[in-house]
Amino acid sequence: MSFLKKLASLFPSPTLGDERSYWIYARCNRCKEVLKARIDLYNDLSIDYDAPQTAYYCRKVLMGTSRCFQQIEVSLKFDEKRRVIDSQVTGGQLITKEEYEQLSQS
Protein backbone atom coordinates (compact mmCIF):
# COMPACT_ATOMS: atom_id res chain seq x y z
CA MET A 1 0.00 0.00 0.00
CA SER A 2 2.83 2.44 0.72
CA PHE A 3 4.12 1.92 -2.82
CA LEU A 4 0.81 3.20 -4.25
CA LYS A 5 0.89 6.25 -1.97
CA LYS A 6 4.43 7.07 -3.09
CA LEU A 7 3.41 6.63 -6.70
CA ALA A 8 0.35 8.88 -6.23
CA SER A 9 2.49 11.57 -4.60
CA LEU A 10 4.47 11.92 -7.83
CA PHE A 11 1.40 13.26 -9.64
CA PRO A 12 -0.12 16.58 -8.58
CA SER A 13 -3.67 16.71 -7.35
CA PRO A 14 -6.21 18.18 -9.81
CA THR A 15 -7.19 20.81 -7.25
CA LEU A 16 -3.63 22.19 -7.16
CA GLY A 17 -3.75 23.28 -10.82
CA ASP A 18 -5.82 26.36 -10.06
CA GLU A 19 -2.86 28.76 -10.31
CA ARG A 20 -2.59 27.74 -13.98
CA SER A 21 -6.16 28.82 -14.75
CA TYR A 22 -7.78 32.15 -15.45
CA TRP A 23 -11.56 32.06 -15.87
CA ILE A 24 -13.48 34.55 -17.99
CA TYR A 25 -17.21 35.14 -17.78
CA ALA A 26 -19.15 36.89 -20.54
CA ARG A 27 -22.71 37.77 -21.51
CA CYS A 28 -23.92 37.87 -25.11
CA ASN A 29 -25.16 41.27 -26.31
CA ARG A 30 -27.83 39.71 -28.52
CA CYS A 31 -29.53 37.03 -26.37
CA LYS A 32 -28.03 37.75 -22.92
CA GLU A 33 -26.79 34.15 -22.51
CA VAL A 34 -23.93 33.87 -19.99
CA LEU A 35 -20.80 31.89 -20.82
CA LYS A 36 -17.59 30.94 -19.10
CA ALA A 37 -14.23 29.82 -20.44
CA ARG A 38 -10.94 28.69 -18.95
CA ILE A 39 -7.58 30.05 -20.04
CA ASP A 40 -4.53 27.95 -19.25
CA LEU A 41 -1.91 30.54 -18.33
CA TYR A 42 0.96 28.29 -19.44
CA ASN A 43 -0.44 26.94 -22.72
CA ASP A 44 -3.01 29.39 -24.12
CA LEU A 45 -0.95 32.58 -23.95
CA SER A 46 1.15 33.84 -26.85
CA ILE A 47 4.13 36.17 -26.63
CA ASP A 48 3.38 39.68 -27.86
CA TYR A 49 6.48 40.82 -29.75
CA ASP A 50 4.96 44.10 -30.99
CA ALA A 51 4.23 45.76 -27.65
CA PRO A 52 7.18 45.96 -25.25
CA GLN A 53 5.00 46.73 -22.19
CA THR A 54 2.86 43.63 -22.74
CA ALA A 55 4.43 40.22 -22.39
CA TYR A 56 1.54 37.95 -23.46
CA TYR A 57 -1.85 38.00 -25.14
CA CYS A 58 -4.72 35.57 -25.58
CA ARG A 59 -7.74 35.55 -27.88
CA LYS A 60 -10.78 33.39 -27.12
CA VAL A 61 -13.94 33.08 -29.16
CA LEU A 62 -16.96 32.00 -27.14
CA MET A 63 -20.25 30.84 -28.58
CA GLY A 64 -23.41 29.88 -26.76
CA THR A 65 -25.19 26.61 -27.28
CA SER A 66 -28.83 27.24 -26.65
CA ARG A 67 -30.02 30.54 -28.05
CA CYS A 68 -28.47 32.57 -30.84
CA PHE A 69 -24.96 31.19 -31.54
CA GLN A 70 -23.49 34.71 -31.60
CA GLN A 71 -19.69 34.67 -31.36
CA ILE A 72 -18.13 36.65 -28.53
CA GLU A 73 -14.47 37.48 -29.07
CA VAL A 74 -12.40 38.17 -25.96
CA SER A 75 -8.87 39.58 -26.31
CA LEU A 76 -6.75 39.75 -23.17
CA LYS A 77 -3.30 41.23 -22.58
CA PHE A 78 -1.12 39.96 -19.76
CA ASP A 79 2.02 41.30 -18.13
CA GLU A 80 5.20 39.26 -17.64
CA LYS A 81 3.75 37.70 -14.46
CA ARG A 82 0.65 36.53 -16.36
CA ARG A 83 -1.70 39.06 -14.76
CA VAL A 84 -4.42 40.65 -16.91
CA ILE A 85 -3.66 44.27 -17.76
CA ASP A 86 -6.18 44.91 -20.57
CA SER A 87 -9.27 43.31 -22.06
CA GLN A 88 -11.44 43.94 -25.11
CA VAL A 89 -14.68 42.20 -26.00
CA THR A 90 -16.76 42.24 -29.19
CA GLY A 91 -20.24 40.77 -29.36
CA GLY A 92 -20.68 40.72 -25.60
CA GLN A 93 -19.39 42.03 -22.32
CA LEU A 94 -17.30 40.63 -19.50
CA ILE A 95 -19.10 39.98 -16.21
CA THR A 96 -17.94 38.89 -12.78
CA LYS A 97 -18.06 35.36 -11.43
CA GLU A 98 -20.84 36.37 -9.03
CA GLU A 99 -22.93 37.82 -11.87
CA TYR A 100 -22.37 34.65 -13.89
CA GLU A 101 -23.50 32.41 -11.02
CA GLN A 102 -26.56 34.56 -10.36
CA LEU A 103 -27.61 34.76 -14.03
CA SER A 104 -26.93 31.11 -14.84
CA GLN A 105 -29.25 29.96 -12.03
CA SER A 106 -32.20 32.03 -13.19
C-alpha atoms as a PDB file:
ATOM      1  CA  MET A   1       0.000   0.000   0.000  1.00  0.00           C
ATOM      2  CA  SER A   2       2.833   2.442   0.721  1.00  0.00           C
ATOM      3  CA  PHE A   3       4.119   1.917  -2.825  1.00  0.00           C
ATOM      4  CA  LEU A   4       0.815   3.202  -4.247  1.00  0.00           C
ATOM      5  CA  LYS A   5       0.891   6.245  -1.968  1.00  0.00           C
ATOM      6  CA  LYS A   6       4.429   7.072  -3.089  1.00  0.00           C
ATOM      7  CA  LEU A   7       3.408   6.633  -6.698  1.00  0.00           C
ATOM      8  CA  ALA A   8       0.351   8.883  -6.233  1.00  0.00           C
ATOM      9  CA  SER A   9       2.494  11.568  -4.597  1.00  0.00           C
ATOM     10  CA  LEU A  10       4.466  11.923  -7.835  1.00  0.00           C
ATOM     11  CA  PHE A  11       1.402  13.258  -9.639  1.00  0.00           C
ATOM     12  CA  PRO A  12      -0.121  16.582  -8.585  1.00  0.00           C
ATOM     13  CA  SER A  13      -3.669  16.710  -7.347  1.00  0.00           C
ATOM     14  CA  PRO A  14      -6.213  18.185  -9.814  1.00  0.00           C
ATOM     15  CA  THR A  15      -7.185  20.815  -7.248  1.00  0.00           C
ATOM     16  CA  LEU A  16      -3.626  22.191  -7.163  1.00  0.00           C
ATOM     17  CA  GLY A  17      -3.751  23.276 -10.818  1.00  0.00           C
ATOM     18  CA  ASP A  18      -5.824  26.362 -10.057  1.00  0.00           C
ATOM     19  CA  GLU A  19      -2.857  28.755 -10.312  1.00  0.00           C
ATOM     20  CA  ARG A  20      -2.591  27.744 -13.982  1.00  0.00           C
ATOM     21  CA  SER A  21      -6.159  28.820 -14.746  1.00  0.00           C
ATOM     22  CA  TYR A  22      -7.784  32.149 -15.452  1.00  0.00           C
ATOM     23  CA  TRP A  23     -11.561  32.059 -15.872  1.00  0.00           C
ATOM     24  CA  ILE A  24     -13.479  34.555 -17.994  1.00  0.00           C
ATOM     25  CA  TYR A  25     -17.214  35.138 -17.784  1.00  0.00           C
ATOM     26  CA  ALA A  26     -19.147  36.885 -20.541  1.00  0.00           C
ATOM     27  CA  ARG A  27     -22.706  37.771 -21.513  1.00  0.00           C
ATOM     28  CA  CYS A  28     -23.919  37.871 -25.109  1.00  0.00           C
ATOM     29  CA  ASN A  29     -25.158  41.272 -26.313  1.00  0.00           C
ATOM     30  CA  ARG A  30     -27.829  39.710 -28.515  1.00  0.00           C
ATOM     31  CA  CYS A  31     -29.530  37.034 -26.375  1.00  0.00           C
ATOM     32  CA  LYS A  32     -28.026  37.752 -22.915  1.00  0.00           C
ATOM     33  CA  GLU A  33     -26.792  34.153 -22.514  1.00  0.00           C
ATOM     34  CA  VAL A  34     -23.934  33.868 -19.995  1.00  0.00           C
ATOM     35  CA  LEU A  35     -20.798  31.889 -20.825  1.00  0.00           C
ATOM     36  CA  LYS A  36     -17.588  30.941 -19.097  1.00  0.00           C
ATOM     37  CA  ALA A  37     -14.229  29.821 -20.444  1.00  0.00           C
ATOM     38  CA  ARG A  38     -10.942  28.687 -18.947  1.00  0.00           C
ATOM     39  CA  ILE A  39      -7.582  30.046 -20.038  1.00  0.00           C
ATOM     40  CA  ASP A  40      -4.529  27.945 -19.252  1.00  0.00           C
ATOM     41  CA  LEU A  41      -1.914  30.535 -18.329  1.00  0.00           C
ATOM     42  CA  TYR A  42       0.961  28.292 -19.438  1.00  0.00           C
ATOM     43  CA  ASN A  43      -0.436  26.940 -22.724  1.00  0.00           C
ATOM     44  CA  ASP A  44      -3.012  29.387 -24.120  1.00  0.00           C
ATOM     45  CA  LEU A  45      -0.946  32.584 -23.947  1.00  0.00           C
ATOM     46  CA  SER A  46       1.154  33.835 -26.853  1.00  0.00           C
ATOM     47  CA  ILE A  47       4.128  36.171 -26.625  1.00  0.00           C
ATOM     48  CA  ASP A  48       3.377  39.683 -27.864  1.00  0.00           C
ATOM     49  CA  TYR A  49       6.481  40.818 -29.753  1.00  0.00           C
ATOM     50  CA  ASP A  50       4.960  44.104 -30.993  1.00  0.00           C
ATOM     51  CA  ALA A  51       4.232  45.757 -27.647  1.00  0.00           C
ATOM     52  CA  PRO A  52       7.182  45.964 -25.247  1.00  0.00           C
ATOM     53  CA  GLN A  53       4.996  46.732 -22.194  1.00  0.00           C
ATOM     54  CA  THR A  54       2.857  43.626 -22.737  1.00  0.00           C
ATOM     55  CA  ALA A  55       4.429  40.224 -22.390  1.00  0.00           C
ATOM     56  CA  TYR A  56       1.538  37.948 -23.459  1.00  0.00           C
ATOM     57  CA  TYR A  57      -1.853  38.002 -25.145  1.00  0.00           C
ATOM     58  CA  CYS A  58      -4.719  35.571 -25.582  1.00  0.00           C
ATOM     59  CA  ARG A  59      -7.744  35.548 -27.876  1.00  0.00           C
ATOM     60  CA  LYS A  60     -10.776  33.386 -27.124  1.00  0.00           C
ATOM     61  CA  VAL A  61     -13.940  33.080 -29.165  1.00  0.00           C
ATOM     62  CA  LEU A  62     -16.960  32.004 -27.140  1.00  0.00           C
ATOM     63  CA  MET A  63     -20.247  30.835 -28.580  1.00  0.00           C
ATOM     64  CA  GLY A  64     -23.411  29.878 -26.764  1.00  0.00           C
ATOM     65  CA  THR A  65     -25.188  26.612 -27.280  1.00  0.00           C
ATOM     66  CA  SER A  66     -28.825  27.243 -26.650  1.00  0.00           C
ATOM     67  CA  ARG A  67     -30.022  30.543 -28.048  1.00  0.00           C
ATOM     68  CA  CYS A  68     -28.472  32.571 -30.843  1.00  0.00           C
ATOM     69  CA  PHE A  69     -24.960  31.189 -31.540  1.00  0.00           C
ATOM     70  CA  GLN A  70     -23.487  34.709 -31.602  1.00  0.00           C
ATOM     71  CA  GLN A  71     -19.685  34.668 -31.358  1.00  0.00           C
ATOM     72  CA  ILE A  72     -18.130  36.650 -28.529  1.00  0.00           C
ATOM     73  CA  GLU A  73     -14.466  37.480 -29.075  1.00  0.00           C
ATOM     74  CA  VAL A  74     -12.404  38.171 -25.958  1.00  0.00           C
ATOM     75  CA  SER A  75      -8.868  39.577 -26.309  1.00  0.00           C
ATOM     76  CA  LEU A  76      -6.750  39.754 -23.173  1.00  0.00           C
ATOM     77  CA  LYS A  77      -3.295  41.225 -22.583  1.00  0.00           C
ATOM     78  CA  PHE A  78      -1.123  39.959 -19.757  1.00  0.00           C
ATOM     79  CA  ASP A  79       2.023  41.296 -18.131  1.00  0.00           C
ATOM     80  CA  GLU A  80       5.201  39.260 -17.637  1.00  0.00           C
ATOM     81  CA  LYS A  81       3.753  37.695 -14.464  1.00  0.00           C
ATOM     82  CA  ARG A  82       0.652  36.530 -16.362  1.00  0.00           C
ATOM     83  CA  ARG A  83      -1.704  39.057 -14.758  1.00  0.00           C
ATOM     84  CA  VAL A  84      -4.417  40.654 -16.908  1.00  0.00           C
ATOM     85  CA  ILE A  85      -3.663  44.274 -17.765  1.00  0.00           C
ATOM     86  CA  ASP A  86      -6.181  44.909 -20.574  1.00  0.00           C
ATOM     87  CA  SER A  87      -9.273  43.308 -22.059  1.00  0.00           C
ATOM     88  CA  GLN A  88     -11.436  43.936 -25.114  1.00  0.00           C
ATOM     89  CA  VAL A  89     -14.682  42.196 -26.005  1.00  0.00           C
ATOM     90  CA  THR A  90     -16.763  42.244 -29.191  1.00  0.00           C
ATOM     91  CA  GLY A  91     -20.237  40.772 -29.362  1.00  0.00           C
ATOM     92  CA  GLY A  92     -20.676  40.722 -25.601  1.00  0.00           C
ATOM     93  CA  GLN A  93     -19.386  42.033 -22.320  1.00  0.00           C
ATOM     94  CA  LEU A  94     -17.296  40.631 -19.496  1.00  0.00           C
ATOM     95  CA  ILE A  95     -19.099  39.976 -16.214  1.00  0.00           C
ATOM     96  CA  THR A  96     -17.938  38.889 -12.780  1.00  0.00           C
ATOM     97  CA  LYS A  97     -18.057  35.357 -11.434  1.00  0.00           C
ATOM     98  CA  GLU A  98     -20.837  36.367  -9.031  1.00  0.00           C
ATOM     99  CA  GLU A  99     -22.931  37.816 -11.869  1.00  0.00           C
ATOM    100  CA  TYR A 100     -22.370  34.645 -13.886  1.00  0.00           C
ATOM    101  CA  GLU A 101     -23.499  32.407 -11.023  1.00  0.00           C
ATOM    102  CA  GLN A 102     -26.556  34.558 -10.361  1.00  0.00           C
ATOM    103  CA  LEU A 103     -27.610  34.761 -14.028  1.00  0.00           C
ATOM    104  CA  SER A 104     -26.935  31.105 -14.836  1.00  0.00           C
ATOM    105  CA  GLN A 105     -29.251  29.962 -12.029  1.00  0.00           C
ATOM    106  CA  SER A 106     -32.196  32.032 -13.186  1.00  0.00           C
END
